[in-house]
Each structure stands twice: as C-alpha cells, then as structure tokens.
Protein backbone atom coordinates (compact mmCIF):
# COMPACT_ATOMS: atom_id res chain seq x y z
CA MET A 1 7.58 42.53 28.81
CA LYS A 2 9.32 44.52 26.09
CA THR A 3 8.41 44.33 22.40
CA ILE A 4 11.02 43.20 19.89
CA THR A 5 11.02 41.92 16.31
CA ALA A 6 11.70 38.26 15.61
CA LYS A 7 14.92 39.15 13.81
CA GLU A 8 16.18 41.23 16.75
CA PHE A 9 15.20 38.44 19.15
CA ASP A 10 17.08 35.84 17.09
CA GLU A 11 20.19 38.03 16.96
CA LYS A 12 20.15 38.56 20.73
CA PHE A 13 19.58 34.84 21.34
CA ASP A 14 22.37 33.85 18.95
CA ASN A 15 24.74 36.33 20.64
CA GLY A 16 24.00 34.81 24.04
CA GLU A 17 22.36 37.95 25.38
CA ASP A 18 19.74 37.90 28.15
CA ILE A 19 16.35 37.61 26.41
CA THR A 20 14.14 37.02 29.46
CA GLU A 21 12.77 40.58 29.32
CA TYR A 22 11.26 39.72 25.91
CA LEU A 23 9.58 36.46 26.97
CA ASP A 24 6.00 36.18 28.21
CA PHE A 25 6.17 33.27 30.64
CA LEU A 26 2.71 33.83 32.11
CA ASN A 27 0.93 33.37 28.77
CA ALA A 28 3.19 30.46 27.86
CA ILE A 29 2.09 28.63 30.99
CA LYS A 30 -1.58 29.29 30.22
CA LEU A 31 -1.47 27.61 26.80
CA LYS A 32 -3.61 24.48 26.69
CA ASN A 33 -1.10 22.25 24.95
CA VAL A 34 1.90 23.13 27.10
CA LYS A 35 2.75 20.09 29.16
CA ARG A 36 6.07 21.30 30.52
CA LEU A 37 7.87 24.62 30.39
CA LYS A 38 11.60 24.09 30.75
CA ILE A 39 13.51 27.20 31.76
CA SER A 40 17.25 26.73 32.02
C-alpha cells in the first residue's frame, strides 16, 4: 500500500484514476463495525 495525502487521494478519486494501490482492504475488513465492504 502506498502513502498519499487526503488531498491527493481526493484529486485522484475525482479524476477517476485508479486508487486501489492507496487503499488498505485488509485492515478495512478487520474493523469491528464493518458489516459489508462493497468494492465495485
């Protein structure tokens, strides 16, 4: 997983760029309150 600032992430997301390299899916799944992780 690469590190990126929130502003850079938002700009990439808004531009429709691939942001999966900046996401930490493993830790997202481990969170107690996550009932469903929808990846489209």
